[in-house]
PDB file of N, CA and C in Angstrom:
ATOM      1  N   MET A   1     -82.101-116.775  19.530  1.00  0.00           N
ATOM      2  CA  MET A   1     -81.870-117.040  20.923  1.00  0.00           C
ATOM      3  C   MET A   1     -81.496-118.511  21.107  1.00  0.00           C
ATOM      4  N   THR A   2     -80.453-118.757  21.897  1.00  0.00           N
ATOM      5  CA  THR A   2     -80.017-120.132  22.116  1.00  0.00           C
ATOM      6  C   THR A   2     -80.491-120.614  23.479  1.00  0.00           C
ATOM      7  N   ALA A   3     -80.707-121.905  23.543  1.00  0.00           N
ATOM      8  CA  ALA A   3     -81.170-122.496  24.798  1.00  0.00           C
ATOM      9  C   ALA A   3     -79.995-122.641  25.759  1.00  0.00           C
ATOM     10  N   VAL A   4     -80.245-122.383  27.025  1.00  0.00           N
ATOM     11  CA  VAL A   4     -79.222-122.523  28.057  1.00  0.00           C
ATOM     12  C   VAL A   4     -79.220-123.977  28.521  1.00  0.00           C
ATOM     13  N   PRO A   5     -78.052-124.625  28.525  1.00  0.00           N
ATOM     14  CA  PRO A   5     -78.023-126.024  28.960  1.00  0.00           C
ATOM     15  C   PRO A   5     -78.343-126.111  30.463  1.00  0.00           C
ATOM     16  N   PRO A   6     -78.960-127.190  30.877  1.00  0.00           N
ATOM     17  CA  PRO A   6     -79.298-127.326  32.302  1.00  0.00           C
ATOM     18  C   PRO A   6     -78.033-127.445  33.142  1.00  0.00           C
ATOM     19  N   ARG A   7     -78.126-126.981  34.376  1.00  0.00           N
ATOM     20  CA  ARG A   7     -76.980-127.060  35.293  1.00  0.00           C
ATOM     21  C   ARG A   7     -76.728-128.497  35.691  1.00  0.00           C
ATOM     22  N   LYS A   8     -75.470-128.816  35.840  1.00  0.00           N
ATOM     23  CA  LYS A   8     -75.086-130.152  36.249  1.00  0.00           C
ATOM     24  C   LYS A   8     -75.362-130.312  37.743  1.00  0.00           C
ATOM     25  N   GLN A   9     -76.011-131.408  38.096  1.00  0.00           N
ATOM     26  CA  GLN A   9     -76.325-131.670  39.499  1.00  0.00           C
ATOM     27  C   GLN A   9     -75.203-132.485  40.127  1.00  0.00           C
ATOM     28  N   TYR A  10     -74.678-131.984  41.218  1.00  0.00           N
ATOM     29  CA  TYR A  10     -73.625-132.674  41.946  1.00  0.00           C
ATOM     30  C   TYR A  10     -74.217-133.317  43.190  1.00  0.00           C
ATOM     31  N   PRO A  11     -73.642-134.435  43.623  1.00  0.00           N
ATOM     32  CA  PRO A  11     -74.150-135.034  44.860  1.00  0.00           C
ATOM     33  C   PRO A  11     -73.850-134.115  46.042  1.00  0.00           C
ATOM     34  N   PRO A  12     -74.639-134.185  47.101  1.00  0.00           N
ATOM     35  CA  PRO A  12     -74.402-133.306  48.255  1.00  0.00           C
ATOM     36  C   PRO A  12     -73.039-133.615  48.885  1.00  0.00           C
ATOM     37  N   ALA A  13     -72.409-132.575  49.386  1.00  0.00           N
ATOM     38  CA  ALA A  13     -71.084-132.742  49.995  1.00  0.00           C
ATOM     39  C   ALA A  13     -71.216-133.471  51.323  1.00  0.00           C
ATOM     40  N   ARG A  14     -70.309-134.407  51.534  1.00  0.00           N
ATOM     41  CA  ARG A  14     -70.293-135.138  52.802  1.00  0.00           C
ATOM     42  C   ARG A  14     -69.312-134.468  53.746  1.00  0.00           C
ATOM     43  N   PRO A  15     -69.641-134.416  55.018  1.00  0.00           N
ATOM     44  CA  PRO A  15     -68.669-133.845  55.953  1.00  0.00           C
ATOM     45  C   PRO A  15     -67.458-134.761  56.060  1.00  0.00           C
ATOM     46  N   ARG A  16     -66.292-134.177  56.095  1.00  0.00           N
ATOM     47  CA  ARG A  16     -65.054-134.944  56.148  1.00  0.00           C
ATOM     48  C   ARG A  16     -64.597-135.121  57.588  1.00  0.00           C
ATOM     49  N   GLN A  17     -63.934-136.231  57.828  1.00  0.00           N
ATOM     50  CA  GLN A  17     -63.297-136.466  59.116  1.00  0.00           C
ATOM     51  C   GLN A  17     -61.866-135.960  59.003  1.00  0.00           C
ATOM     52  N   GLU A  18     -61.673-134.709  59.295  1.00  0.00           N
ATOM     53  CA  GLU A  18     -60.335-134.136  59.230  1.00  0.00           C
ATOM     54  C   GLU A  18     -59.561-134.538  60.473  1.00  0.00           C
ATOM     55  N   PRO A  19     -58.283-134.841  60.342  1.00  0.00           N
ATOM     56  CA  PRO A  19     -57.496-135.116  61.545  1.00  0.00           C
ATOM     57  C   PRO A  19     -57.340-133.835  62.356  1.00  0.00           C
ATOM     58  N   THR A  20     -57.341-133.994  63.653  1.00  0.00           N
ATOM     59  CA  THR A  20     -57.210-132.820  64.500  1.00  0.00           C
ATOM     60  C   THR A  20     -55.794-132.285  64.396  1.00  0.00           C
ATOM     61  N   ALA A  21     -55.698-130.990  64.320  1.00  0.00           N
ATOM     62  CA  ALA A  21     -54.394-130.353  64.179  1.00  0.00           C
ATOM     63  C   ALA A  21     -53.681-130.327  65.524  1.00  0.00           C
ATOM     64  N   MET A  22     -52.396-130.563  65.465  1.00  0.00           N
ATOM     65  CA  MET A  22     -51.590-130.473  66.674  1.00  0.00           C
ATOM     66  C   MET A  22     -51.446-129.007  67.048  1.00  0.00           C
ATOM     67  N   PRO A  23     -51.465-128.695  68.315  1.00  0.00           N
ATOM     68  CA  PRO A  23     -51.261-127.294  68.698  1.00  0.00           C
ATOM     69  C   PRO A  23     -49.886-126.795  68.240  1.00  0.00           C
ATOM     70  N   ARG A  24     -49.863-125.559  67.829  1.00  0.00           N
ATOM     71  CA  ARG A  24     -48.641-124.997  67.269  1.00  0.00           C
ATOM     72  C   ARG A  24     -47.508-124.968  68.287  1.00  0.00           C
ATOM     73  N   LEU A  25     -47.794-124.600  69.529  1.00  0.00           N
ATOM     74  CA  LEU A  25     -46.743-124.552  70.541  1.00  0.00           C
ATOM     75  C   LEU A  25     -46.159-125.934  70.814  1.00  0.00           C
ATOM     76  N   ALA A  26     -46.976-126.958  70.738  1.00  0.00           N
ATOM     77  CA  ALA A  26     -46.473-128.318  70.936  1.00  0.00           C
ATOM     78  C   ALA A  26     -45.530-128.706  69.800  1.00  0.00           C
ATOM     79  N   LEU A  27     -45.855-128.298  68.587  1.00  0.00           N
ATOM     80  CA  LEU A  27     -44.959-128.585  67.459  1.00  0.00           C
ATOM     81  C   LEU A  27     -43.625-127.868  67.607  1.00  0.00           C
ATOM     82  N   TYR A  28     -43.675-126.612  68.028  1.00  0.00           N
ATOM     83  CA  TYR A  28     -42.435-125.869  68.237  1.00  0.00           C
ATOM     84  C   TYR A  28     -41.598-126.519  69.337  1.00  0.00           C
ATOM     85  N   ALA A  29     -42.226-126.904  70.429  1.00  0.00           N
ATOM     86  CA  ALA A  29     -41.496-127.538  71.529  1.00  0.00           C
ATOM     87  C   ALA A  29     -40.894-128.868  71.083  1.00  0.00           C
ATOM     88  N   LEU A  30     -41.632-129.605  70.263  1.00  0.00           N
ATOM     89  CA  LEU A  30     -41.117-130.875  69.758  1.00  0.00           C
ATOM     90  C   LEU A  30     -39.915-130.652  68.837  1.00  0.00           C
ATOM     91  N   ALA A  31     -39.970-129.611  68.030  1.00  0.00           N
ATOM     92  CA  ALA A  31     -38.834-129.290  67.152  1.00  0.00           C
ATOM     93  C   ALA A  31     -37.618-128.880  67.976  1.00  0.00           C
ATOM     94  N   VAL A  32     -37.826-128.078  69.015  1.00  0.00           N
ATOM     95  CA  VAL A  32     -36.715-127.675  69.885  1.00  0.00           C
ATOM     96  C   VAL A  32     -36.126-128.897  70.574  1.00  0.00           C
ATOM     97  N   CYS A  33     -36.980-129.823  70.993  1.00  0.00           N
ATOM     98  CA  CYS A  33     -36.507-131.040  71.642  1.00  0.00           C
ATOM     99  C   CYS A  33     -35.619-131.851  70.702  1.00  0.00           C
ATOM    100  N   ALA A  34     -36.060-132.034  69.490  1.00  0.00           N
ATOM    101  CA  ALA A  34     -35.276-132.812  68.523  1.00  0.00           C
ATOM    102  C   ALA A  34     -33.942-132.135  68.227  1.00  0.00           C
ATOM    103  N   LEU A  35     -33.961-130.822  68.052  1.00  0.00           N
ATOM    104  CA  LEU A  35     -32.718-130.104  67.777  1.00  0.00           C
ATOM    105  C   LEU A  35     -31.775-130.139  68.975  1.00  0.00           C
ATOM    106  N   ALA A  36     -32.324-130.069  70.191  1.00  0.00           N
ATOM    107  CA  ALA A  36     -31.486-130.121  71.382  1.00  0.00           C
ATOM    108  C   ALA A  36     -30.838-131.496  71.538  1.00  0.00           C
ATOM    109  N   VAL A  37     -31.565-132.549  71.197  1.00  0.00           N
ATOM    110  CA  VAL A  37     -30.982-133.892  71.272  1.00  0.00           C
ATOM    111  C   VAL A  37     -29.849-134.031  70.256  1.00  0.00           C
ATOM    112  N   ILE A  38     -30.058-133.514  69.065  1.00  0.00           N
ATOM    113  CA  ILE A  38     -29.012-133.565  68.041  1.00  0.00           C
ATOM    114  C   ILE A  38     -27.786-132.770  68.504  1.00  0.00           C
ATOM    115  N   ALA A  39     -28.017-131.589  69.079  1.00  0.00           N
ATOM    116  CA  ALA A  39     -26.907-130.772  69.571  1.00  0.00           C
ATOM    117  C   ALA A  39     -26.173-131.472  70.711  1.00  0.00           C
ATOM    118  N   ALA A  40     -26.908-132.179  71.565  1.00  0.00           N
ATOM    119  CA  ALA A  40     -26.271-132.909  72.663  1.00  0.00           C
ATOM    120  C   ALA A  40     -25.388-134.025  72.129  1.00  0.00           C
ATOM    121  N   VAL A  41     -25.877-134.748  71.151  1.00  0.00           N
ATOM    122  CA  VAL A  41     -25.085-135.839  70.566  1.00  0.00           C
ATOM    123  C   VAL A  41     -23.816-135.282  69.929  1.00  0.00           C
ATOM    124  N   VAL A  42     -23.950-134.198  69.186  1.00  0.00           N
ATOM    125  CA  VAL A  42     -22.781-133.591  68.540  1.00  0.00           C
ATOM    126  C   VAL A  42     -21.783-133.117  69.600  1.00  0.00           C
ATOM    127  N   SER A  43     -22.282-132.508  70.677  1.00  0.00           N
ATOM    128  CA  SER A  43     -21.393-132.024  71.734  1.00  0.00           C
ATOM    129  C   SER A  43     -20.645-133.165  72.399  1.00  0.00           C
ATOM    130  N   PHE A  44     -21.349-134.246  72.699  1.00  0.00           N
ATOM    131  CA  PHE A  44     -20.683-135.377  73.350  1.00  0.00           C
ATOM    132  C   PHE A  44     -19.688-136.064  72.423  1.00  0.00           C
ATOM    133  N   VAL A  45     -20.016-136.127  71.136  1.00  0.00           N
ATOM    134  CA  VAL A  45     -19.093-136.731  70.177  1.00  0.00           C
ATOM    135  C   VAL A  45     -17.808-135.906  70.082  1.00  0.00           C
ATOM    136  N   GLN A  46     -17.937-134.590  70.190  1.00  0.00           N
ATOM    137  CA  GLN A  46     -16.765-133.717  70.136  1.00  0.00           C
ATOM    138  C   GLN A  46     -16.012-133.686  71.457  1.00  0.00           C
ATOM    139  N   GLY A  47     -16.540-134.360  72.477  1.00  0.00           N
ATOM    140  CA  GLY A  47     -15.847-134.411  73.759  1.00  0.00           C
ATOM    141  C   GLY A  47     -16.172-133.263  74.691  1.00  0.00           C
ATOM    142  N   SER A  48     -17.241-132.535  74.433  1.00  0.00           N
ATOM    143  CA  SER A  48     -17.624-131.402  75.268  1.00  0.00           C
ATOM    144  C   SER A  48     -18.747-131.817  76.220  1.00  0.00           C
ATOM    145  N   PHE A  49     -18.606-131.359  77.456  1.00  0.00           N
ATOM    146  CA  PHE A  49     -19.657-131.646  78.427  1.00  0.00           C
ATOM    147  C   PHE A  49     -20.792-130.621  78.356  1.00  0.00           C
ATOM    148  N   LEU A  50     -20.737-129.740  77.389  1.00  0.00           N
ATOM    149  CA  LEU A  50     -21.831-128.800  77.158  1.00  0.00           C
ATOM    150  C   LEU A  50     -23.097-129.540  76.729  1.00  0.00           C
ATOM    151  N   GLY A  51     -22.946-130.785  76.299  1.00  0.00           N
ATOM    152  CA  GLY A  51     -24.088-131.609  75.916  1.00  0.00           C
ATOM    153  C   GLY A  51     -25.066-131.817  77.056  1.00  0.00           C
ATOM    154  N   VAL A  52     -24.570-131.705  78.301  1.00  0.00           N
ATOM    155  CA  VAL A  52     -25.461-131.835  79.461  1.00  0.00           C
ATOM    156  C   VAL A  52     -26.513-130.728  79.441  1.00  0.00           C
ATOM    157  N   VAL A  53     -26.096-129.537  79.086  1.00  0.00           N
ATOM    158  CA  VAL A  53     -27.038-128.409  79.000  1.00  0.00           C
ATOM    159  C   VAL A  53     -28.062-128.676  77.905  1.00  0.00           C
ATOM    160  N   TRP A  54     -27.605-129.218  76.776  1.00  0.00           N
ATOM    161  CA  TRP A  54     -28.524-129.535  75.689  1.00  0.00           C
ATOM    162  C   TRP A  54     -29.526-130.612  76.107  1.00  0.00           C
ATOM    163  N   LEU A  55     -29.061-131.592  76.883  1.00  0.00           N
ATOM    164  CA  LEU A  55     -29.974-132.627  77.365  1.00  0.00           C
ATOM    165  C   LEU A  55     -31.025-132.047  78.314  1.00  0.00           C
ATOM    166  N   LEU A  56     -30.609-131.124  79.162  1.00  0.00           N
ATOM    167  CA  LEU A  56     -31.583-130.471  80.056  1.00  0.00           C
ATOM    168  C   LEU A  56     -32.618-129.686  79.245  1.00  0.00           C
ATOM    169  N   LEU A  57     -32.153-129.005  78.197  1.00  0.00           N
ATOM    170  CA  LEU A  57     -33.081-128.262  77.331  1.00  0.00           C
ATOM    171  C   LEU A  57     -34.022-129.224  76.603  1.00  0.00           C
ATOM    172  N   ALA A  58     -33.511-130.375  76.188  1.00  0.00           N
ATOM    173  CA  ALA A  58     -34.364-131.368  75.521  1.00  0.00           C
ATOM    174  C   ALA A  58     -35.432-131.880  76.482  1.00  0.00           C
ATOM    175  N   GLY A  59     -35.056-132.121  77.733  1.00  0.00           N
ATOM    176  CA  GLY A  59     -36.034-132.574  78.719  1.00  0.00           C
ATOM    177  C   GLY A  59     -37.102-131.532  78.979  1.00  0.00           C
ATOM    178  N   LEU A  60     -36.689-130.284  79.101  1.00  0.00           N
ATOM    179  CA  LEU A  60     -37.651-129.202  79.344  1.00  0.00           C
ATOM    180  C   LEU A  60     -38.614-129.060  78.169  1.00  0.00           C
ATOM    181  N   SER A  61     -38.084-129.072  76.954  1.00  0.00           N
ATOM    182  CA  SER A  61     -38.948-128.871  75.787  1.00  0.00           C
ATOM    183  C   SER A  61     -39.868-130.073  75.559  1.00  0.00           C
ATOM    184  N   SER A  62     -39.414-131.285  75.899  1.00  0.00           N
ATOM    185  CA  SER A  62     -40.317-132.432  75.750  1.00  0.00           C
ATOM    186  C   SER A  62     -41.461-132.347  76.757  1.00  0.00           C
ATOM    187  N   ASN A  63     -41.173-131.865  77.948  1.00  0.00           N
ATOM    188  CA  ASN A  63     -42.243-131.670  78.930  1.00  0.00           C
ATOM    189  C   ASN A  63     -43.219-130.598  78.469  1.00  0.00           C
ATOM    190  N   MET A  64     -42.707-129.546  77.837  1.00  0.00           N
ATOM    191  CA  MET A  64     -43.587-128.497  77.323  1.00  0.00           C
ATOM    192  C   MET A  64     -44.482-129.048  76.220  1.00  0.00           C
ATOM    193  N   ALA A  65     -43.910-129.850  75.319  1.00  0.00           N
ATOM    194  CA  ALA A  65     -44.714-130.439  74.244  1.00  0.00           C
ATOM    195  C   ALA A  65     -45.799-131.323  74.823  1.00  0.00           C
ATOM    196  N   TRP A  66     -45.464-132.137  75.815  1.00  0.00           N
ATOM    197  CA  TRP A  66     -46.449-133.008  76.464  1.00  0.00           C
ATOM    198  C   TRP A  66     -47.552-132.181  77.103  1.00  0.00           C
ATOM    199  N   TYR A  67     -47.170-131.097  77.792  1.00  0.00           N
ATOM    200  CA  TYR A  67     -48.149-130.243  78.462  1.00  0.00           C
ATOM    201  C   TYR A  67     -49.118-129.626  77.457  1.00  0.00           C
ATOM    202  N   TYR A  68     -48.594-129.068  76.373  1.00  0.00           N
ATOM    203  CA  TYR A  68     -49.464-128.415  75.394  1.00  0.00           C
ATOM    204  C   TYR A  68     -50.369-129.413  74.682  1.00  0.00           C
ATOM    205  N   LEU A  69     -49.895-130.619  74.446  1.00  0.00           N
ATOM    206  CA  LEU A  69     -50.750-131.643  73.841  1.00  0.00           C
ATOM    207  C   LEU A  69     -51.872-132.049  74.794  1.00  0.00           C
ATOM    208  N   ARG A  70     -51.543-132.252  76.055  1.00  0.00           N
ATOM    209  CA  ARG A  70     -52.564-132.637  77.040  1.00  0.00           C
ATOM    210  C   ARG A  70     -53.588-131.511  77.235  1.00  0.00           C
ATOM    211  N   ARG A  71     -53.113-130.273  77.238  1.00  0.00           N
ATOM    212  CA  ARG A  71     -54.019-129.139  77.411  1.00  0.00           C
ATOM    213  C   ARG A  71     -54.985-129.044  76.237  1.00  0.00           C
ATOM    214  N   ALA A  72     -54.481-129.244  75.023  1.00  0.00           N
ATOM    215  CA  ALA A  72     -55.347-129.199  73.840  1.00  0.00           C
ATOM    216  C   ALA A  72     -56.360-130.342  73.874  1.00  0.00           C
ATOM    217  N   LYS A  73     -55.929-131.518  74.309  1.00  0.00           N
ATOM    218  CA  LYS A  73     -56.838-132.660  74.393  1.00  0.00           C
ATOM    219  C   LYS A  73     -57.938-132.399  75.421  1.00  0.00           C
ATOM    220  N   ALA A  74     -57.570-131.806  76.552  1.00  0.00           N
ATOM    221  CA  ALA A  74     -58.563-131.486  77.579  1.00  0.00           C
ATOM    222  C   ALA A  74     -59.548-130.430  77.086  1.00  0.00           C
ATOM    223  N   ARG A  75     -59.054-129.463  76.342  1.00  0.00           N
ATOM    224  CA  ARG A  75     -59.958-128.425  75.803  1.00  0.00           C
ATOM    225  C   ARG A  75     -60.930-129.011  74.788  1.00  0.00           C
ATOM    226  N   ARG A  76     -60.421-129.907  73.917  1.00  0.00           N
ATOM    227  CA  ARG A  76     -61.318-130.541  72.945  1.00  0.00           C
ATOM    228  C   ARG A  76     -62.384-131.365  73.655  1.00  0.00           C
ATOM    229  N   ALA A  77     -61.979-132.069  74.709  1.00  0.00           N
ATOM    230  CA  ALA A  77     -62.953-132.875  75.461  1.00  0.00           C
ATOM    231  C   ALA A  77     -63.983-131.972  76.134  1.00  0.00           C
ATOM    232  N   ALA A  78     -63.536-130.848  76.685  1.00  0.00           N
ATOM    233  CA  ALA A  78     -64.450-129.922  77.326  1.00  0.00           C
ATOM    234  C   ALA A  78     -65.393-129.286  76.315  1.00  0.00           C
ATOM    235  N   ASP A  79     -64.898-128.967  75.133  1.00  0.00           N
ATOM    236  CA  ASP A  79     -65.751-128.409  74.085  1.00  0.00           C
ATOM    237  C   ASP A  79     -66.770-129.435  73.614  1.00  0.00           C
ATOM    238  N   GLY A  80     -66.368-130.701  73.535  1.00  0.00           N
ATOM    239  CA  GLY A  80     -67.287-131.755  73.118  1.00  0.00           C
ATOM    240  C   GLY A  80     -68.393-131.964  74.137  1.00  0.00           C
ATOM    241  N   VAL A  81     -68.053-131.896  75.412  1.00  0.00           N
ATOM    242  CA  VAL A  81     -69.061-132.070  76.461  1.00  0.00           C
ATOM    243  C   VAL A  81     -70.010-130.893  76.478  1.00  0.00           C
ATOM    244  N   SER A  82     -69.478-129.668  76.329  1.00  0.00           N
ATOM    245  CA  SER A  82     -70.360-128.507  76.368  1.00  0.00           C
ATOM    246  C   SER A  82     -71.230-128.419  75.130  1.00  0.00           C
ATOM    247  N   ALA A  83     -70.734-128.882  73.979  1.00  0.00           N
ATOM    248  CA  ALA A  83     -71.533-128.857  72.751  1.00  0.00           C
ATOM    249  C   ALA A  83     -72.627-129.911  72.803  1.00  0.00           C
ATOM    250  N   ALA A  84     -72.344-131.046  73.427  1.00  0.00           N
ATOM    251  CA  ALA A  84     -73.339-132.123  73.493  1.00  0.00           C
ATOM    252  C   ALA A  84     -74.395-131.820  74.548  1.00  0.00           C
ATOM    253  N   GLY A  85     -74.028-131.071  75.570  1.00  0.00           N
ATOM    254  CA  GLY A  85     -74.940-130.823  76.695  1.00  0.00           C
ATOM    255  C   GLY A  85     -75.836-129.691  76.501  1.00  0.00           C
TER     256      GLY A  85
END
């Protein structure tokens, strides 16, 4: 019979400070905004006034990204207050 070696002791795991994830809808809106700005620039360079529509879409999507980020921040703050209370 052979002796079993003792188990290796590891230090206790420390909780990590993970960065908060951006809401998925805000990321999608931000991507649409960037693509709309690129499309607007390309349209204006080609001499088309269709770029105005792309600029309007970029403005709308940037507002959506801002809204979803603010909503997520408010929810995190509300969760923090309810967890602490």
